[in-house]
Amino acid sequence: MNSRRWNPEEVASPVGRYSHLATVPPECEIVFLSGQLGVLPDGSLAGPDAEVQGRQIFANIEALLTAAGGEPRHLVKLLTLVGGTEHLAGYRTAQAEAFGRWFPEGDFPAQSLAVVAALAAPEYAVEVEAVAAIPRG
């Protein structure tokens, strides 16, 4: 069983690719993914811009979910930190590509996005952390 995601009529429709509410069924294990950066498995930066880094971030998230026995459809909540407004468009392109594959029916997880002054190092444009609900067994 998957998490339930929905948008009640009592609030405005989402302004992006997210759901207002998401619940986790009791037969799932909640898995917390630390903030992912656009770095390759060898630790090197995937590229200089938010679009390339964003693509790598989503690849990293998918790899972590697989390692935990899950899939992207098990994502319940994401928090995205973008290091400056100049990186928003590139990140949104990478997210649209990943979400198009992961959630073709538009059943998006809950999500928050914040523009921050800087991330852990100046070369990082985006960081995404996540919570997943992976069925036990």
C-alpha atoms as a PDB file:
ATOM      1  CA  MET A   1       0.000   0.000   0.000  1.00  0.00           C
ATOM      2  CA  ASN A   2       1.199   3.496  -0.817  1.00  0.00           C
ATOM      3  CA  SER A   3       0.873   6.716   1.095  1.00  0.00           C
ATOM      4  CA  ARG A   4      -2.276   8.717   0.499  1.00  0.00           C
ATOM      5  CA  ARG A   5      -1.773  12.124  -1.108  1.00  0.00           C
ATOM      6  CA  TRP A   6      -4.478  14.674  -1.705  1.00  0.00           C
ATOM      7  CA  ASN A   7      -5.526  18.302  -1.935  1.00  0.00           C
ATOM      8  CA  PRO A   8      -8.693  19.185   0.014  1.00  0.00           C
ATOM      9  CA  GLU A   9     -11.158  21.543  -1.634  1.00  0.00           C
ATOM     10  CA  GLU A  10     -11.035  23.789   1.447  1.00  0.00           C
ATOM     11  CA  VAL A  11      -7.630  25.175   0.417  1.00  0.00           C
ATOM     12  CA  ALA A  12      -6.311  26.561  -2.866  1.00  0.00           C
ATOM     13  CA  SER A  13      -4.871  24.120  -5.380  1.00  0.00           C
ATOM     14  CA  PRO A  14      -1.089  23.646  -5.198  1.00  0.00           C
ATOM     15  CA  VAL A  15       0.961  26.151  -7.174  1.00  0.00           C
ATOM     16  CA  GLY A  16       3.479  23.493  -8.201  1.00  0.00           C
ATOM     17  CA  ARG A  17       4.232  19.783  -8.302  1.00  0.00           C
ATOM     18  CA  TYR A  18       3.158  18.786  -4.796  1.00  0.00           C
ATOM     19  CA  SER A  19       0.222  17.630  -2.704  1.00  0.00           C
ATOM     20  CA  HIS A  20      -0.967  19.520   0.372  1.00  0.00           C
ATOM     21  CA  LEU A  21      -1.383  16.343   2.431  1.00  0.00           C
ATOM     22  CA  ALA A  22       0.302  12.950   2.582  1.00  0.00           C
ATOM     23  CA  THR A  23      -0.282  10.147   5.074  1.00  0.00           C
ATOM     24  CA  VAL A  24       1.704   6.985   5.766  1.00  0.00           C
ATOM     25  CA  PRO A  25      -0.072   3.639   6.197  1.00  0.00           C
ATOM     26  CA  PRO A  26       0.869   1.633   9.324  1.00  0.00           C
ATOM     27  CA  GLU A  27       2.421  -1.215   7.326  1.00  0.00           C
ATOM     28  CA  CYS A  28       5.175   1.086   6.042  1.00  0.00           C
ATOM     29  CA  GLU A  29       8.587   1.920   7.416  1.00  0.00           C
ATOM     30  CA  ILE A  30       9.352   5.636   7.435  1.00  0.00           C
ATOM     31  CA  VAL A  31      12.764   6.314   5.885  1.00  0.00           C
ATOM     32  CA  PHE A  32      14.507   9.694   6.166  1.00  0.00           C
ATOM     33  CA  LEU A  33      16.952  10.694   3.420  1.00  0.00           C
ATOM     34  CA  SER A  34      19.548  13.292   4.331  1.00  0.00           C
ATOM     35  CA  GLY A  35      19.917  16.326   2.114  1.00  0.00           C
ATOM     36  CA  GLN A  36      21.324  15.276  -1.247  1.00  0.00           C
ATOM     37  CA  LEU A  37      23.663  17.422  -3.286  1.00  0.00           C
ATOM     38  CA  GLY A  38      24.481  17.200  -6.979  1.00  0.00           C
ATOM     39  CA  VAL A  39      27.540  15.033  -6.470  1.00  0.00           C
ATOM     40  CA  LEU A  40      28.513  11.872  -8.322  1.00  0.00           C
ATOM     41  CA  PRO A  41      29.240   8.585  -6.496  1.00  0.00           C
ATOM     42  CA  ASP A  42      32.964   9.470  -6.463  1.00  0.00           C
ATOM     43  CA  GLY A  43      32.168  12.707  -4.579  1.00  0.00           C
ATOM     44  CA  SER A  44      32.852  15.077  -7.465  1.00  0.00           C
ATOM     45  CA  LEU A  45      30.348  17.747  -8.441  1.00  0.00           C
ATOM     46  CA  ALA A  46      28.048  16.658 -11.302  1.00  0.00           C
ATOM     47  CA  GLY A  47      28.235  20.070 -12.931  1.00  0.00           C
ATOM     48  CA  PRO A  48      28.251  23.810 -12.297  1.00  0.00           C
ATOM     49  CA  ASP A  49      24.543  24.586 -12.645  1.00  0.00           C
ATOM     50  CA  ALA A  50      21.318  23.735 -10.828  1.00  0.00           C
ATOM     51  CA  GLU A  51      19.860  21.716 -13.704  1.00  0.00           C
ATOM     52  CA  VAL A  52      22.794  19.280 -13.864  1.00  0.00           C
ATOM     53  CA  GLN A  53      23.078  19.152 -10.079  1.00  0.00           C
ATOM     54  CA  GLY A  54      19.319  18.631  -9.789  1.00  0.00           C
ATOM     55  CA  ARG A  55      19.408  15.675 -12.169  1.00  0.00           C
ATOM     56  CA  GLN A  56      22.155  14.113 -10.059  1.00  0.00           C
ATOM     57  CA  ILE A  57      20.252  14.804  -6.860  1.00  0.00           C
ATOM     58  CA  PHE A  58      17.238  12.902  -8.187  1.00  0.00           C
ATOM     59  CA  ALA A  59      19.521  10.050  -9.321  1.00  0.00           C
ATOM     60  CA  ASN A  60      21.001   9.970  -5.799  1.00  0.00           C
ATOM     61  CA  ILE A  61      17.549   9.925  -4.211  1.00  0.00           C
ATOM     62  CA  GLU A  62      16.487   7.064  -6.462  1.00  0.00           C
ATOM     63  CA  ALA A  63      19.660   5.107  -5.584  1.00  0.00           C
ATOM     64  CA  LEU A  64      19.076   5.648  -1.856  1.00  0.00           C
ATOM     65  CA  LEU A  65      15.453   4.546  -2.120  1.00  0.00           C
ATOM     66  CA  THR A  66      16.532   1.411  -3.998  1.00  0.00           C
ATOM     67  CA  ALA A  67      19.125   0.674  -1.289  1.00  0.00           C
ATOM     68  CA  ALA A  68      16.342   0.948   1.317  1.00  0.00           C
ATOM     69  CA  GLY A  69      14.058  -1.383  -0.668  1.00  0.00           C
ATOM     70  CA  GLY A  70      11.862   1.376  -2.043  1.00  0.00           C
ATOM     71  CA  GLU A  71      11.080   3.355  -5.161  1.00  0.00           C
ATOM     72  CA  PRO A  72      10.412   7.021  -5.936  1.00  0.00           C
ATOM     73  CA  ARG A  73       6.653   6.388  -5.671  1.00  0.00           C
ATOM     74  CA  HIS A  74       7.238   5.802  -1.946  1.00  0.00           C
ATOM     75  CA  LEU A  75       8.303   9.431  -1.385  1.00  0.00           C
ATOM     76  CA  VAL A  76       6.014  11.237   1.034  1.00  0.00           C
ATOM     77  CA  LYS A  77       7.745  14.605   1.591  1.00  0.00           C
ATOM     78  CA  LEU A  78      10.607  16.587   0.064  1.00  0.00           C
ATOM     79  CA  LEU A  79      12.347  19.717   1.258  1.00  0.00           C
ATOM     80  CA  THR A  80      14.344  21.594  -1.369  1.00  0.00           C
ATOM     81  CA  LEU A  81      16.867  24.312  -0.593  1.00  0.00           C
ATOM     82  CA  VAL A  82      17.992  26.428  -3.541  1.00  0.00           C
ATOM     83  CA  GLY A  83      21.066  28.604  -3.090  1.00  0.00           C
ATOM     84  CA  GLY A  84      19.753  31.781  -4.692  1.00  0.00           C
ATOM     85  CA  THR A  85      16.921  32.644  -7.070  1.00  0.00           C
ATOM     86  CA  GLU A  86      19.231  32.351 -10.088  1.00  0.00           C
ATOM     87  CA  HIS A  87      19.126  28.560  -9.620  1.00  0.00           C
ATOM     88  CA  LEU A  88      15.335  28.149  -9.525  1.00  0.00           C
ATOM     89  CA  ALA A  89      14.711  27.659 -13.257  1.00  0.00           C
ATOM     90  CA  GLY A  90      17.427  25.024 -13.657  1.00  0.00           C
ATOM     91  CA  TYR A  91      16.254  23.114 -10.613  1.00  0.00           C
ATOM     92  CA  ARG A  92      12.631  23.213 -11.770  1.00  0.00           C
ATOM     93  CA  THR A  93      13.665  21.741 -15.141  1.00  0.00           C
ATOM     94  CA  ALA A  94      15.463  18.836 -13.438  1.00  0.00           C
ATOM     95  CA  GLN A  95      12.542  18.301 -11.070  1.00  0.00           C
ATOM     96  CA  ALA A  96      10.001  18.302 -13.907  1.00  0.00           C
ATOM     97  CA  GLU A  97      12.016  15.585 -15.693  1.00  0.00           C
ATOM     98  CA  ALA A  98      12.290  13.391 -12.584  1.00  0.00           C
ATOM     99  CA  PHE A  99       8.689  13.910 -11.498  1.00  0.00           C
ATOM    100  CA  GLY A 100       7.463  13.179 -15.035  1.00  0.00           C
ATOM    101  CA  ARG A 101       9.077   9.729 -14.753  1.00  0.00           C
ATOM    102  CA  TRP A 102       8.320   9.129 -11.079  1.00  0.00           C
ATOM    103  CA  PHE A 103       4.762  10.459 -10.847  1.00  0.00           C
ATOM    104  CA  PRO A 104       3.217  10.260 -14.338  1.00  0.00           C
ATOM    105  CA  GLU A 105      -0.307  10.463 -12.900  1.00  0.00           C
ATOM    106  CA  GLY A 106       0.527  13.677 -11.013  1.00  0.00           C
ATOM    107  CA  ASP A 107       0.226  12.036  -7.567  1.00  0.00           C
ATOM    108  CA  PHE A 108       3.018  14.185  -6.116  1.00  0.00           C
ATOM    109  CA  PRO A 109       4.438  13.988  -2.581  1.00  0.00           C
ATOM    110  CA  ALA A 110       4.125  16.882  -0.153  1.00  0.00           C
ATOM    111  CA  GLN A 111       6.919  19.365  -0.758  1.00  0.00           C
ATOM    112  CA  SER A 112       8.488  22.603   0.432  1.00  0.00           C
ATOM    113  CA  LEU A 113      11.019  24.783  -1.376  1.00  0.00           C
ATOM    114  CA  ALA A 114      13.096  27.541   0.176  1.00  0.00           C
ATOM    115  CA  VAL A 115      15.543  29.925  -1.431  1.00  0.00           C
ATOM    116  CA  VAL A 116      18.495  30.375   0.898  1.00  0.00           C
ATOM    117  CA  ALA A 117      21.538  32.633   0.842  1.00  0.00           C
ATOM    118  CA  ALA A 118      23.978  29.730   0.520  1.00  0.00           C
ATOM    119  CA  LEU A 119      24.406  25.990   0.989  1.00  0.00           C
ATOM    120  CA  ALA A 120      27.324  24.106   2.587  1.00  0.00           C
ATOM    121  CA  ALA A 121      29.797  25.252  -0.095  1.00  0.00           C
ATOM    122  CA  PRO A 122      29.561  27.908  -2.813  1.00  0.00           C
ATOM    123  CA  GLU A 123      29.613  25.365  -5.669  1.00  0.00           C
ATOM    124  CA  TYR A 124      26.378  23.727  -4.485  1.00  0.00           C
ATOM    125  CA  ALA A 125      23.250  25.158  -6.123  1.00  0.00           C
ATOM    126  CA  VAL A 126      20.564  22.836  -4.704  1.00  0.00           C
ATOM    127  CA  GLU A 127      19.992  20.401  -1.846  1.00  0.00           C
ATOM    128  CA  VAL A 128      17.003  18.068  -1.462  1.00  0.00           C
ATOM    129  CA  GLU A 129      16.080  15.968   1.554  1.00  0.00           C
ATOM    130  CA  ALA A 130      13.226  13.489   1.571  1.00  0.00           C
ATOM    131  CA  VAL A 131      10.992  11.221   3.614  1.00  0.00           C
ATOM    132  CA  ALA A 132       9.687   7.955   2.177  1.00  0.00           C
ATOM    133  CA  ALA A 133       7.139   5.373   3.351  1.00  0.00           C
ATOM    134  CA  ILE A 134       8.417   1.977   2.221  1.00  0.00           C
ATOM    135  CA  PRO A 135       6.185  -1.095   2.670  1.00  0.00           C
ATOM    136  CA  ARG A 136       7.644  -3.588   5.155  1.00  0.00           C
ATOM    137  CA  GLY A 137       8.726  -6.979   3.866  1.00  0.00           C
END
